[in-house]
């Protein structure tokens, strides 16, 4: 298992535009990527927190290479004030 967390701080005037794009990306990831096991979106005002689970690092790399992720990333680039990504590998199963 490979876990990814992402914290976004979105420019306040862009949150309402960002969220539907984020939701579309998460749904596509869950529906189209066999290695994506979980993709949760949480919100606190303009802070968006993602919790993603993949089979392994290769599955996450496939996510980053997917057309839907690349389109999402390009569409939201100007909306993001800050982004922090962290990776976690499973210790025990």
N, C-alpha and C. Protein backbone atom coordinates (compact mmCIF):
# COMPACT_ATOMS: atom_id res chain seq x y z
N UNK A 1 0.84 -1.18 0.00
CA UNK A 1 0.00 0.00 0.00
C UNK A 1 0.88 1.24 0.00
N UNK A 2 0.45 2.26 -0.73
CA UNK A 2 1.16 3.52 -0.84
C UNK A 2 0.15 4.63 -0.60
N UNK A 3 0.38 5.43 0.42
CA UNK A 3 -0.55 6.51 0.78
C UNK A 3 0.05 7.86 0.38
N UNK A 4 -0.83 8.73 -0.07
CA UNK A 4 -0.43 10.08 -0.45
C UNK A 4 -1.39 11.06 0.22
N UNK A 5 -0.83 12.10 0.84
CA UNK A 5 -1.67 13.19 1.33
C UNK A 5 -1.25 14.45 0.60
N UNK A 6 -2.23 15.26 0.30
CA UNK A 6 -1.97 16.53 -0.38
C UNK A 6 -2.79 17.60 0.34
N UNK A 7 -2.13 18.67 0.71
CA UNK A 7 -2.81 19.83 1.28
C UNK A 7 -2.70 20.98 0.30
N UNK A 8 -3.83 21.51 -0.09
CA UNK A 8 -3.89 22.67 -0.97
C UNK A 8 -4.41 23.86 -0.17
N UNK A 9 -3.84 25.01 -0.38
CA UNK A 9 -4.46 26.26 0.04
C UNK A 9 -4.83 26.95 -1.25
N UNK A 10 -6.12 27.16 -1.43
CA UNK A 10 -6.66 27.70 -2.67
C UNK A 10 -6.94 29.19 -2.49
N UNK A 11 -6.66 29.97 -3.51
CA UNK A 11 -7.01 31.39 -3.46
C UNK A 11 -8.51 31.49 -3.19
N UNK A 12 -8.92 32.29 -2.19
CA UNK A 12 -10.33 32.31 -1.75
C UNK A 12 -11.35 32.50 -2.88
N UNK A 13 -11.04 33.33 -3.83
CA UNK A 13 -12.01 33.59 -4.90
C UNK A 13 -12.07 32.45 -5.92
N UNK A 14 -11.22 31.45 -5.78
CA UNK A 14 -11.17 30.34 -6.74
C UNK A 14 -11.68 29.01 -6.19
N UNK A 15 -12.02 28.97 -4.91
CA UNK A 15 -12.44 27.71 -4.27
C UNK A 15 -13.64 27.09 -4.98
N UNK A 16 -14.64 27.91 -5.32
CA UNK A 16 -15.85 27.37 -5.95
C UNK A 16 -15.59 26.82 -7.35
N UNK A 17 -14.54 27.27 -7.99
CA UNK A 17 -14.16 26.73 -9.29
C UNK A 17 -13.28 25.49 -9.12
N UNK A 18 -12.42 25.52 -8.11
CA UNK A 18 -11.50 24.42 -7.86
C UNK A 18 -12.22 23.12 -7.46
N UNK A 19 -13.18 23.23 -6.55
CA UNK A 19 -13.79 22.01 -5.98
C UNK A 19 -14.42 21.08 -7.01
N UNK A 20 -15.23 21.55 -7.96
CA UNK A 20 -15.78 20.61 -8.95
C UNK A 20 -14.69 19.91 -9.77
N UNK A 21 -13.62 20.62 -10.07
CA UNK A 21 -12.52 20.01 -10.81
C UNK A 21 -11.82 18.94 -9.97
N UNK A 22 -11.67 19.22 -8.67
CA UNK A 22 -11.05 18.26 -7.76
C UNK A 22 -11.91 17.01 -7.64
N UNK A 23 -13.20 17.21 -7.50
CA UNK A 23 -14.13 16.07 -7.38
C UNK A 23 -14.11 15.22 -8.66
N UNK A 24 -14.10 15.88 -9.81
CA UNK A 24 -14.04 15.15 -11.09
C UNK A 24 -12.76 14.33 -11.18
N UNK A 25 -11.64 14.91 -10.77
CA UNK A 25 -10.36 14.19 -10.80
C UNK A 25 -10.38 12.99 -9.85
N UNK A 26 -10.90 13.16 -8.66
CA UNK A 26 -10.97 12.06 -7.69
C UNK A 26 -11.84 10.92 -8.22
N UNK A 27 -12.99 11.26 -8.77
CA UNK A 27 -13.89 10.22 -9.30
C UNK A 27 -13.24 9.47 -10.46
N UNK A 28 -12.60 10.21 -11.35
CA UNK A 28 -11.92 9.55 -12.48
C UNK A 28 -10.80 8.65 -11.98
N UNK A 29 -10.09 9.10 -10.96
CA UNK A 29 -9.01 8.28 -10.41
C UNK A 29 -9.55 6.98 -9.86
N UNK A 30 -10.63 7.05 -9.08
CA UNK A 30 -11.22 5.84 -8.49
C UNK A 30 -11.82 4.93 -9.56
N UNK A 31 -12.47 5.53 -10.55
CA UNK A 31 -13.18 4.74 -11.56
C UNK A 31 -12.28 4.17 -12.65
N UNK A 32 -11.21 4.88 -13.01
CA UNK A 32 -10.42 4.51 -14.18
C UNK A 32 -9.06 3.91 -13.87
N UNK A 33 -8.59 4.08 -12.64
CA UNK A 33 -7.25 3.61 -12.30
C UNK A 33 -7.35 2.37 -11.41
N UNK A 34 -6.97 1.20 -11.94
CA UNK A 34 -7.11 -0.02 -11.16
C UNK A 34 -6.27 -0.01 -9.87
N UNK A 35 -5.19 0.75 -9.81
CA UNK A 35 -4.35 0.78 -8.62
C UNK A 35 -4.74 1.82 -7.59
N UNK A 36 -5.78 2.60 -7.87
CA UNK A 36 -6.26 3.61 -6.92
C UNK A 36 -7.36 2.98 -6.07
N UNK A 37 -7.11 2.87 -4.78
CA UNK A 37 -8.05 2.21 -3.86
C UNK A 37 -8.94 3.18 -3.11
N UNK A 38 -8.45 4.39 -2.90
CA UNK A 38 -9.21 5.38 -2.13
C UNK A 38 -8.75 6.76 -2.54
N UNK A 39 -9.70 7.70 -2.58
CA UNK A 39 -9.36 9.08 -2.92
C UNK A 39 -10.38 9.97 -2.22
N UNK A 40 -10.03 10.43 -1.04
CA UNK A 40 -10.93 11.26 -0.23
C UNK A 40 -10.56 12.72 -0.35
N UNK A 41 -11.57 13.57 -0.38
CA UNK A 41 -11.38 15.02 -0.40
C UNK A 41 -12.04 15.59 0.85
N UNK A 42 -11.27 16.36 1.61
CA UNK A 42 -11.78 17.01 2.81
C UNK A 42 -11.54 18.51 2.66
N UNK A 43 -12.37 19.30 3.35
CA UNK A 43 -12.28 20.75 3.18
C UNK A 43 -12.44 21.45 4.52
N UNK A 44 -11.65 22.50 4.68
CA UNK A 44 -11.81 23.45 5.78
C UNK A 44 -11.62 24.83 5.17
N UNK A 45 -12.72 25.45 4.76
CA UNK A 45 -12.64 26.74 4.08
C UNK A 45 -11.88 26.60 2.77
N UNK A 46 -10.80 27.37 2.63
CA UNK A 46 -9.99 27.33 1.42
C UNK A 46 -8.88 26.33 1.46
N UNK A 47 -8.83 25.51 2.53
CA UNK A 47 -7.84 24.45 2.60
C UNK A 47 -8.50 23.14 2.20
N UNK A 48 -7.89 22.48 1.23
CA UNK A 48 -8.38 21.19 0.73
C UNK A 48 -7.34 20.14 1.08
N UNK A 49 -7.80 19.04 1.65
CA UNK A 49 -6.92 17.96 2.06
C UNK A 49 -7.33 16.69 1.32
N UNK A 50 -6.37 16.04 0.68
CA UNK A 50 -6.62 14.78 -0.02
C UNK A 50 -5.94 13.64 0.70
N UNK A 51 -6.63 12.50 0.75
CA UNK A 51 -6.07 11.27 1.29
C UNK A 51 -6.27 10.22 0.22
N UNK A 52 -5.17 9.74 -0.34
CA UNK A 52 -5.22 8.80 -1.46
C UNK A 52 -4.47 7.52 -1.11
N UNK A 53 -5.04 6.39 -1.51
CA UNK A 53 -4.39 5.10 -1.32
C UNK A 53 -4.23 4.42 -2.67
N UNK A 54 -3.02 3.95 -2.94
CA UNK A 54 -2.69 3.25 -4.17
C UNK A 54 -2.07 1.90 -3.82
N UNK A 55 -2.10 0.98 -4.77
CA UNK A 55 -1.48 -0.33 -4.55
C UNK A 55 0.00 -0.19 -4.23
N UNK A 56 0.67 0.71 -4.97
CA UNK A 56 2.11 0.90 -4.81
C UNK A 56 2.52 2.20 -5.51
N UNK A 57 3.79 2.50 -5.48
CA UNK A 57 4.28 3.74 -6.10
C UNK A 57 4.03 3.75 -7.60
N UNK A 58 4.13 2.59 -8.25
CA UNK A 58 3.86 2.52 -9.70
C UNK A 58 2.43 2.96 -10.01
N UNK A 59 1.49 2.54 -9.18
CA UNK A 59 0.09 2.93 -9.39
C UNK A 59 -0.08 4.44 -9.24
N UNK A 60 0.63 5.03 -8.28
CA UNK A 60 0.57 6.48 -8.11
C UNK A 60 1.21 7.18 -9.30
N UNK A 61 2.34 6.67 -9.77
CA UNK A 61 2.98 7.26 -10.94
C UNK A 61 2.06 7.19 -12.16
N UNK A 62 1.31 6.09 -12.29
CA UNK A 62 0.34 5.97 -13.39
C UNK A 62 -0.75 7.03 -13.24
N UNK A 63 -1.15 7.31 -12.01
CA UNK A 63 -2.13 8.38 -11.75
C UNK A 63 -1.59 9.72 -12.28
N UNK A 64 -0.34 10.03 -11.94
CA UNK A 64 0.26 11.30 -12.37
C UNK A 64 0.37 11.40 -13.89
N UNK A 65 0.49 10.26 -14.56
CA UNK A 65 0.62 10.25 -16.01
C UNK A 65 -0.73 10.21 -16.73
N UNK A 66 -1.81 10.02 -15.99
CA UNK A 66 -3.13 9.89 -16.62
C UNK A 66 -3.58 11.21 -17.24
N UNK A 67 -4.37 11.09 -18.30
CA UNK A 67 -4.88 12.27 -18.99
C UNK A 67 -5.75 13.11 -18.08
N UNK A 68 -6.59 12.46 -17.26
CA UNK A 68 -7.48 13.24 -16.39
C UNK A 68 -6.70 14.01 -15.34
N UNK A 69 -5.64 13.42 -14.79
CA UNK A 69 -4.83 14.16 -13.81
C UNK A 69 -4.09 15.32 -14.48
N UNK A 70 -3.50 15.09 -15.63
CA UNK A 70 -2.76 16.16 -16.31
C UNK A 70 -3.68 17.32 -16.66
N UNK A 71 -4.91 17.03 -17.09
CA UNK A 71 -5.88 18.08 -17.40
C UNK A 71 -6.27 18.84 -16.13
N UNK A 72 -6.51 18.11 -15.04
CA UNK A 72 -6.83 18.75 -13.76
C UNK A 72 -5.69 19.65 -13.31
N UNK A 73 -4.48 19.14 -13.32
CA UNK A 73 -3.32 19.88 -12.84
C UNK A 73 -3.13 21.18 -13.62
N UNK A 74 -3.30 21.12 -14.93
CA UNK A 74 -3.17 22.33 -15.75
C UNK A 74 -4.30 23.32 -15.46
N UNK A 75 -5.52 22.80 -15.27
CA UNK A 75 -6.68 23.67 -15.06
C UNK A 75 -6.61 24.42 -13.73
N UNK A 76 -6.02 23.81 -12.70
CA UNK A 76 -6.04 24.43 -11.36
C UNK A 76 -4.75 25.16 -11.02
N UNK A 77 -3.77 25.14 -11.88
CA UNK A 77 -2.45 25.72 -11.55
C UNK A 77 -2.54 27.13 -11.00
N UNK A 78 -3.35 27.98 -11.59
CA UNK A 78 -3.46 29.36 -11.13
C UNK A 78 -4.35 29.55 -9.91
N UNK A 79 -5.01 28.50 -9.48
CA UNK A 79 -5.91 28.58 -8.33
C UNK A 79 -5.21 28.25 -7.01
N UNK A 80 -4.08 27.59 -7.10
CA UNK A 80 -3.39 27.05 -5.92
C UNK A 80 -2.40 28.08 -5.38
N UNK A 81 -2.61 28.45 -4.10
CA UNK A 81 -1.67 29.36 -3.44
C UNK A 81 -0.52 28.58 -2.82
N UNK A 82 -0.81 27.35 -2.37
CA UNK A 82 0.21 26.53 -1.72
C UNK A 82 -0.21 25.06 -1.84
N UNK A 83 0.79 24.19 -2.00
CA UNK A 83 0.51 22.76 -2.14
C UNK A 83 1.63 21.98 -1.45
N UNK A 84 1.23 21.05 -0.59
CA UNK A 84 2.19 20.18 0.11
C UNK A 84 1.79 18.74 -0.14
N UNK A 85 2.73 17.95 -0.64
CA UNK A 85 2.47 16.53 -0.93
C UNK A 85 3.37 15.70 -0.03
N UNK A 86 2.80 14.66 0.57
CA UNK A 86 3.57 13.73 1.40
C UNK A 86 3.25 12.30 0.99
N UNK A 87 4.28 11.45 1.10
CA UNK A 87 4.15 10.05 0.70
C UNK A 87 4.41 9.15 1.90
N UNK A 88 3.64 8.06 1.98
CA UNK A 88 3.79 7.11 3.09
C UNK A 88 3.73 5.70 2.52
N UNK A 89 4.65 4.87 2.98
CA UNK A 89 4.63 3.46 2.60
C UNK A 89 4.17 2.64 3.79
N UNK A 90 3.43 1.60 3.51
CA UNK A 90 2.91 0.73 4.57
C UNK A 90 4.04 0.07 5.32
N UNK A 91 3.93 0.04 6.64
CA UNK A 91 4.94 -0.57 7.49
C UNK A 91 4.63 -2.03 7.73
N UNK A 92 3.38 -2.33 8.02
CA UNK A 92 2.97 -3.71 8.30
C UNK A 92 1.60 -3.94 7.70
N UNK A 93 1.39 -5.10 7.23
CA UNK A 93 0.10 -5.44 6.64
C UNK A 93 -0.64 -6.39 7.53
